[in-house]
N, C-alpha and C. Protein backbone atom coordinates (compact mmCIF):
# COMPACT_ATOMS: atom_id res chain seq x y z
N UNK A 1 -64.61 37.84 -9.44
CA UNK A 1 -64.33 38.79 -8.39
C UNK A 1 -63.66 40.02 -9.01
N UNK A 2 -64.07 41.19 -8.54
CA UNK A 2 -63.49 42.45 -9.02
C UNK A 2 -62.38 42.85 -8.06
N UNK A 3 -61.23 43.19 -8.61
CA UNK A 3 -60.12 43.63 -7.78
C UNK A 3 -59.86 45.10 -8.06
N UNK A 4 -59.82 45.89 -6.99
CA UNK A 4 -59.55 47.31 -7.12
C UNK A 4 -58.10 47.58 -6.77
N UNK A 5 -57.46 48.51 -7.44
CA UNK A 5 -56.06 48.84 -7.12
C UNK A 5 -55.93 49.30 -5.68
N UNK A 6 -54.97 48.73 -4.98
CA UNK A 6 -54.70 49.13 -3.61
C UNK A 6 -55.63 48.53 -2.58
N UNK A 7 -56.54 47.65 -3.02
CA UNK A 7 -57.48 47.04 -2.09
C UNK A 7 -57.17 45.56 -2.00
N UNK A 8 -57.04 45.07 -0.77
CA UNK A 8 -56.76 43.65 -0.57
C UNK A 8 -57.98 42.84 -0.96
N UNK A 9 -57.76 41.72 -1.63
CA UNK A 9 -58.89 40.91 -2.06
C UNK A 9 -59.43 40.03 -0.94
N UNK A 10 -58.69 39.89 0.15
CA UNK A 10 -59.15 39.04 1.25
C UNK A 10 -59.78 39.86 2.38
N UNK A 11 -60.28 41.04 2.06
CA UNK A 11 -60.86 41.90 3.09
C UNK A 11 -62.18 41.33 3.57
N UNK A 12 -62.35 41.34 4.86
CA UNK A 12 -63.58 40.90 5.51
C UNK A 12 -64.12 42.11 6.25
N UNK A 13 -65.42 42.28 6.24
CA UNK A 13 -66.03 43.48 6.83
C UNK A 13 -65.56 43.75 8.24
N UNK A 14 -65.43 42.72 9.07
CA UNK A 14 -65.02 42.93 10.45
C UNK A 14 -63.55 43.32 10.59
N UNK A 15 -62.76 43.13 9.56
CA UNK A 15 -61.33 43.43 9.62
C UNK A 15 -60.99 44.78 8.99
N UNK A 16 -61.98 45.50 8.54
CA UNK A 16 -61.72 46.79 7.89
C UNK A 16 -61.36 47.83 8.93
N UNK A 17 -60.44 48.68 8.57
CA UNK A 17 -60.09 49.80 9.45
C UNK A 17 -60.71 51.05 8.87
N UNK A 18 -61.29 51.90 9.73
CA UNK A 18 -61.90 53.12 9.20
C UNK A 18 -60.85 54.03 8.57
N UNK A 19 -61.29 54.81 7.60
CA UNK A 19 -60.37 55.73 6.95
C UNK A 19 -59.79 56.69 7.97
N UNK A 20 -60.63 57.24 8.79
CA UNK A 20 -60.18 58.11 9.87
C UNK A 20 -60.66 57.51 11.19
N UNK A 21 -59.75 57.29 12.12
CA UNK A 21 -60.18 56.74 13.41
C UNK A 21 -61.09 57.73 14.15
N UNK A 22 -61.95 57.19 14.99
CA UNK A 22 -62.89 58.01 15.74
C UNK A 22 -62.29 58.40 17.08
N UNK A 23 -62.17 59.69 17.28
CA UNK A 23 -61.68 60.20 18.56
C UNK A 23 -62.80 60.09 19.59
N UNK A 24 -62.48 59.75 20.84
CA UNK A 24 -63.53 59.63 21.85
C UNK A 24 -64.34 60.91 22.04
N UNK A 25 -63.77 62.04 21.69
CA UNK A 25 -64.50 63.30 21.79
C UNK A 25 -65.75 63.32 20.93
N UNK A 26 -65.70 62.64 19.77
CA UNK A 26 -66.87 62.56 18.91
C UNK A 26 -68.01 61.82 19.62
N UNK A 27 -67.66 60.78 20.35
CA UNK A 27 -68.65 60.01 21.09
C UNK A 27 -69.20 60.85 22.24
N UNK A 28 -68.31 61.56 22.93
CA UNK A 28 -68.75 62.42 24.02
C UNK A 28 -69.69 63.50 23.51
N UNK A 29 -69.37 64.08 22.36
CA UNK A 29 -70.24 65.12 21.78
C UNK A 29 -71.64 64.54 21.55
N UNK A 30 -71.72 63.37 20.94
CA UNK A 30 -73.01 62.74 20.69
C UNK A 30 -73.76 62.46 21.99
N UNK A 31 -73.01 62.02 23.00
CA UNK A 31 -73.63 61.68 24.29
C UNK A 31 -74.23 62.92 24.96
N UNK A 32 -73.48 64.01 24.98
CA UNK A 32 -74.03 65.18 25.66
C UNK A 32 -75.15 65.83 24.85
N UNK A 33 -75.06 65.72 23.52
CA UNK A 33 -76.17 66.23 22.70
C UNK A 33 -77.43 65.41 22.94
N UNK A 34 -77.27 64.09 23.03
CA UNK A 34 -78.40 63.21 23.28
C UNK A 34 -79.04 63.52 24.64
N UNK A 35 -78.21 63.82 25.61
CA UNK A 35 -78.69 64.13 26.97
C UNK A 35 -79.11 65.60 27.11
N UNK A 36 -78.92 66.34 26.03
CA UNK A 36 -79.24 67.77 26.00
C UNK A 36 -78.52 68.54 27.11
N UNK A 37 -77.23 68.22 27.25
CA UNK A 37 -76.36 68.91 28.21
C UNK A 37 -75.45 69.83 27.40
N UNK A 38 -75.30 71.05 27.83
CA UNK A 38 -74.39 71.96 27.13
C UNK A 38 -72.96 71.67 27.56
N UNK A 39 -72.03 72.09 26.72
CA UNK A 39 -70.62 71.95 27.08
C UNK A 39 -70.32 72.77 28.34
N UNK A 40 -70.94 73.91 28.46
CA UNK A 40 -70.71 74.76 29.63
C UNK A 40 -71.17 74.05 30.90
N UNK A 41 -72.35 73.45 30.85
CA UNK A 41 -72.88 72.75 32.02
C UNK A 41 -71.98 71.57 32.40
N UNK A 42 -71.56 70.79 31.40
CA UNK A 42 -70.69 69.64 31.70
C UNK A 42 -69.34 70.10 32.22
N UNK A 43 -68.79 71.14 31.61
CA UNK A 43 -67.50 71.66 32.07
C UNK A 43 -67.59 72.10 33.53
N UNK A 44 -68.68 72.76 33.88
CA UNK A 44 -68.88 73.18 35.27
C UNK A 44 -68.98 71.97 36.20
N UNK A 45 -69.68 70.93 35.76
CA UNK A 45 -69.79 69.70 36.55
C UNK A 45 -68.41 69.07 36.77
N UNK A 46 -67.61 69.09 35.72
CA UNK A 46 -66.28 68.47 35.79
C UNK A 46 -65.27 69.35 36.53
N UNK A 47 -65.60 70.63 36.64
CA UNK A 47 -64.66 71.56 37.28
C UNK A 47 -63.51 71.93 36.38
N UNK A 48 -63.77 71.98 35.05
CA UNK A 48 -62.74 72.36 34.08
C UNK A 48 -63.25 73.54 33.26
N UNK A 49 -62.34 74.19 32.56
CA UNK A 49 -62.72 75.28 31.68
C UNK A 49 -63.48 74.72 30.48
N UNK A 50 -64.40 75.51 29.97
CA UNK A 50 -65.16 75.11 28.79
C UNK A 50 -64.20 74.86 27.62
N UNK A 51 -63.15 75.68 27.51
CA UNK A 51 -62.19 75.52 26.41
C UNK A 51 -61.50 74.17 26.47
N UNK A 52 -61.20 73.67 27.68
CA UNK A 52 -60.57 72.36 27.82
C UNK A 52 -61.53 71.26 27.36
N UNK A 53 -62.79 71.34 27.81
CA UNK A 53 -63.78 70.35 27.40
C UNK A 53 -63.97 70.39 25.89
N UNK A 54 -64.00 71.59 25.33
CA UNK A 54 -64.15 71.74 23.89
C UNK A 54 -62.99 71.10 23.14
N UNK A 55 -61.78 71.22 23.67
CA UNK A 55 -60.61 70.58 23.06
C UNK A 55 -60.74 69.06 23.11
N UNK A 56 -61.25 68.53 24.21
CA UNK A 56 -61.50 67.08 24.31
C UNK A 56 -62.50 66.65 23.25
N UNK A 57 -63.59 67.38 23.18
CA UNK A 57 -64.67 67.03 22.25
C UNK A 57 -64.22 67.13 20.80
N UNK A 58 -63.37 68.10 20.50
CA UNK A 58 -62.92 68.30 19.12
C UNK A 58 -61.65 67.53 18.76
N UNK A 59 -61.22 66.63 19.64
CA UNK A 59 -60.08 65.78 19.33
C UNK A 59 -58.74 66.47 19.39
N UNK A 60 -58.68 67.64 20.03
CA UNK A 60 -57.42 68.37 20.14
C UNK A 60 -56.68 68.04 21.42
N UNK A 61 -57.31 67.23 22.26
CA UNK A 61 -56.70 66.83 23.53
C UNK A 61 -57.06 65.37 23.77
N UNK A 62 -56.10 64.61 24.29
CA UNK A 62 -56.35 63.19 24.60
C UNK A 62 -57.15 63.03 25.88
N UNK A 63 -57.93 61.96 25.93
CA UNK A 63 -58.65 61.58 27.14
C UNK A 63 -57.65 60.89 28.06
N UNK A 64 -57.28 61.55 29.12
CA UNK A 64 -56.39 60.95 30.11
C UNK A 64 -57.23 60.12 31.07
N UNK A 65 -56.57 59.36 31.92
CA UNK A 65 -57.28 58.60 32.94
C UNK A 65 -58.08 59.55 33.83
N UNK A 66 -57.49 60.68 34.17
CA UNK A 66 -58.17 61.64 35.03
C UNK A 66 -59.44 62.18 34.37
N UNK A 67 -59.36 62.56 33.09
CA UNK A 67 -60.55 63.05 32.39
C UNK A 67 -61.60 61.96 32.29
N UNK A 68 -61.16 60.75 31.99
CA UNK A 68 -62.09 59.63 31.87
C UNK A 68 -62.82 59.38 33.20
N UNK A 69 -62.10 59.47 34.29
CA UNK A 69 -62.73 59.28 35.60
C UNK A 69 -63.70 60.41 35.93
N UNK A 70 -63.36 61.63 35.55
CA UNK A 70 -64.26 62.75 35.79
C UNK A 70 -65.53 62.61 34.96
N UNK A 71 -65.40 62.18 33.72
CA UNK A 71 -66.57 61.98 32.86
C UNK A 71 -67.42 60.83 33.40
N UNK A 72 -66.76 59.80 33.89
CA UNK A 72 -67.49 58.69 34.51
C UNK A 72 -68.32 59.21 35.68
N UNK A 73 -67.74 60.04 36.52
CA UNK A 73 -68.44 60.58 37.68
C UNK A 73 -69.63 61.44 37.25
N UNK A 74 -69.46 62.21 36.18
CA UNK A 74 -70.51 63.13 35.75
C UNK A 74 -71.61 62.45 34.94
N UNK A 75 -71.23 61.51 34.07
CA UNK A 75 -72.20 60.92 33.14
C UNK A 75 -72.54 59.46 33.43
N UNK A 76 -71.74 58.82 34.30
CA UNK A 76 -72.01 57.42 34.62
C UNK A 76 -71.54 56.44 33.56
N UNK A 77 -70.69 56.91 32.65
CA UNK A 77 -70.14 56.02 31.62
C UNK A 77 -68.75 55.61 32.08
N UNK A 78 -68.54 54.31 32.19
CA UNK A 78 -67.31 53.75 32.75
C UNK A 78 -66.05 54.39 32.16
N UNK A 79 -65.12 54.72 33.02
CA UNK A 79 -63.86 55.34 32.59
C UNK A 79 -63.10 54.45 31.62
N UNK A 80 -63.18 53.14 31.81
CA UNK A 80 -62.49 52.22 30.90
C UNK A 80 -62.97 52.38 29.45
N UNK A 81 -64.23 52.70 29.28
CA UNK A 81 -64.78 52.92 27.95
C UNK A 81 -64.01 54.04 27.25
N UNK A 82 -63.84 55.18 27.96
CA UNK A 82 -63.15 56.33 27.37
C UNK A 82 -61.67 56.04 27.15
N UNK A 83 -61.05 55.36 28.12
CA UNK A 83 -59.63 55.02 28.02
C UNK A 83 -59.39 54.08 26.85
N UNK A 84 -60.26 53.08 26.71
CA UNK A 84 -60.12 52.12 25.60
C UNK A 84 -60.34 52.80 24.25
N UNK A 85 -61.30 53.72 24.19
CA UNK A 85 -61.51 54.47 22.94
C UNK A 85 -60.28 55.28 22.58
N UNK A 86 -59.69 55.94 23.58
CA UNK A 86 -58.50 56.75 23.33
C UNK A 86 -57.34 55.87 22.87
N UNK A 87 -57.16 54.72 23.52
CA UNK A 87 -56.08 53.81 23.13
C UNK A 87 -56.29 53.30 21.70
N UNK A 88 -57.52 52.95 21.35
CA UNK A 88 -57.82 52.48 19.99
C UNK A 88 -57.55 53.60 18.98
N UNK A 89 -57.92 54.81 19.33
CA UNK A 89 -57.68 55.96 18.46
C UNK A 89 -56.17 56.17 18.26
N UNK A 90 -55.42 56.15 19.36
CA UNK A 90 -53.97 56.34 19.28
C UNK A 90 -53.31 55.25 18.43
N UNK A 91 -53.75 54.02 18.61
CA UNK A 91 -53.19 52.90 17.84
C UNK A 91 -53.50 53.06 16.36
N UNK A 92 -54.74 53.43 16.04
CA UNK A 92 -55.12 53.61 14.64
C UNK A 92 -54.33 54.74 14.00
N UNK A 93 -54.12 55.83 14.75
CA UNK A 93 -53.32 56.94 14.22
C UNK A 93 -51.88 56.50 13.97
N UNK A 94 -51.32 55.73 14.90
CA UNK A 94 -49.94 55.24 14.73
C UNK A 94 -49.83 54.36 13.50
N UNK A 95 -50.84 53.51 13.27
CA UNK A 95 -50.81 52.62 12.11
C UNK A 95 -50.94 53.37 10.80
N UNK A 96 -51.49 54.58 10.84
CA UNK A 96 -51.60 55.39 9.62
C UNK A 96 -50.34 56.20 9.35
N UNK A 97 -49.42 56.23 10.30
CA UNK A 97 -48.18 56.98 10.17
C UNK A 97 -47.18 56.13 9.39
N UNK A 98 -46.95 56.49 8.14
CA UNK A 98 -46.11 55.67 7.26
C UNK A 98 -44.67 55.54 7.76
N UNK A 99 -44.12 56.61 8.30
CA UNK A 99 -42.73 56.53 8.78
C UNK A 99 -42.64 55.63 10.01
N UNK A 100 -43.65 55.69 10.87
CA UNK A 100 -43.64 54.81 12.04
C UNK A 100 -43.83 53.35 11.61
N UNK A 101 -44.68 53.10 10.65
CA UNK A 101 -44.90 51.73 10.17
C UNK A 101 -43.63 51.20 9.50
N UNK A 102 -42.88 52.06 8.81
CA UNK A 102 -41.61 51.64 8.21
C UNK A 102 -40.62 51.27 9.32
N UNK A 103 -40.63 52.03 10.40
CA UNK A 103 -39.76 51.73 11.54
C UNK A 103 -40.13 50.36 12.14
N UNK A 104 -41.42 50.10 12.30
CA UNK A 104 -41.86 48.80 12.82
C UNK A 104 -41.42 47.67 11.91
N UNK A 105 -41.53 47.89 10.62
CA UNK A 105 -41.12 46.88 9.65
C UNK A 105 -39.63 46.58 9.79
N UNK A 106 -38.85 47.63 9.97
CA UNK A 106 -37.41 47.47 10.16
C UNK A 106 -37.10 46.69 11.44
N UNK A 107 -37.81 47.01 12.50
CA UNK A 107 -37.63 46.30 13.78
C UNK A 107 -37.97 44.83 13.61
N UNK A 108 -39.06 44.55 12.89
CA UNK A 108 -39.46 43.15 12.67
C UNK A 108 -38.42 42.39 11.87
N UNK A 109 -37.84 43.04 10.86
CA UNK A 109 -36.80 42.36 10.06
C UNK A 109 -35.59 42.03 10.91
N UNK A 110 -35.17 42.97 11.77
CA UNK A 110 -34.02 42.73 12.65
C UNK A 110 -34.36 41.62 13.63
N UNK A 111 -35.55 41.65 14.21
CA UNK A 111 -35.95 40.64 15.18
C UNK A 111 -36.03 39.25 14.53
N UNK A 112 -36.49 39.17 13.27
CA UNK A 112 -36.60 37.89 12.58
C UNK A 112 -35.21 37.30 12.30
N UNK A 113 -34.21 38.16 12.16
CA UNK A 113 -32.86 37.70 11.85
C UNK A 113 -32.13 37.21 13.09
N UNK A 114 -32.64 37.51 14.27
CA UNK A 114 -31.96 37.10 15.50
C UNK A 114 -32.13 35.64 15.79
C-alpha cells in the first residue's frame, strides 16, 4: 500500500469530503441552464431582483427557507432539497475552518473530563 503525506490510509470513497463544498447555487445554475431559463426570467418569476438571484447562484448569499420555497414554487424542486444542500454546505465550510475545529476539539476535551 502506498501512503501519501497527509492522507489517511483508511479512506473509503464514500467517506471522502470534497476539497471545496458545493454551494446550492451551483446546482441551481445547472438546473436553469438545463431548462434554458435565464436568470432574469427566473428572478421575475420569483419576484426578486436579478442581482439577488445572481448572488444566490454565485454562492454569495445563503439559501434561506424563504428562497427555497420560492424556488420550489417556480421550478417544482422540493424546498427541503435546497435547504439540505445549504446545510451540508454550511457544515462542510465549518469543518474546513481550522480555528472553529480547534474550538470543537477543546469543547470535546472539556466534555470528556466531566
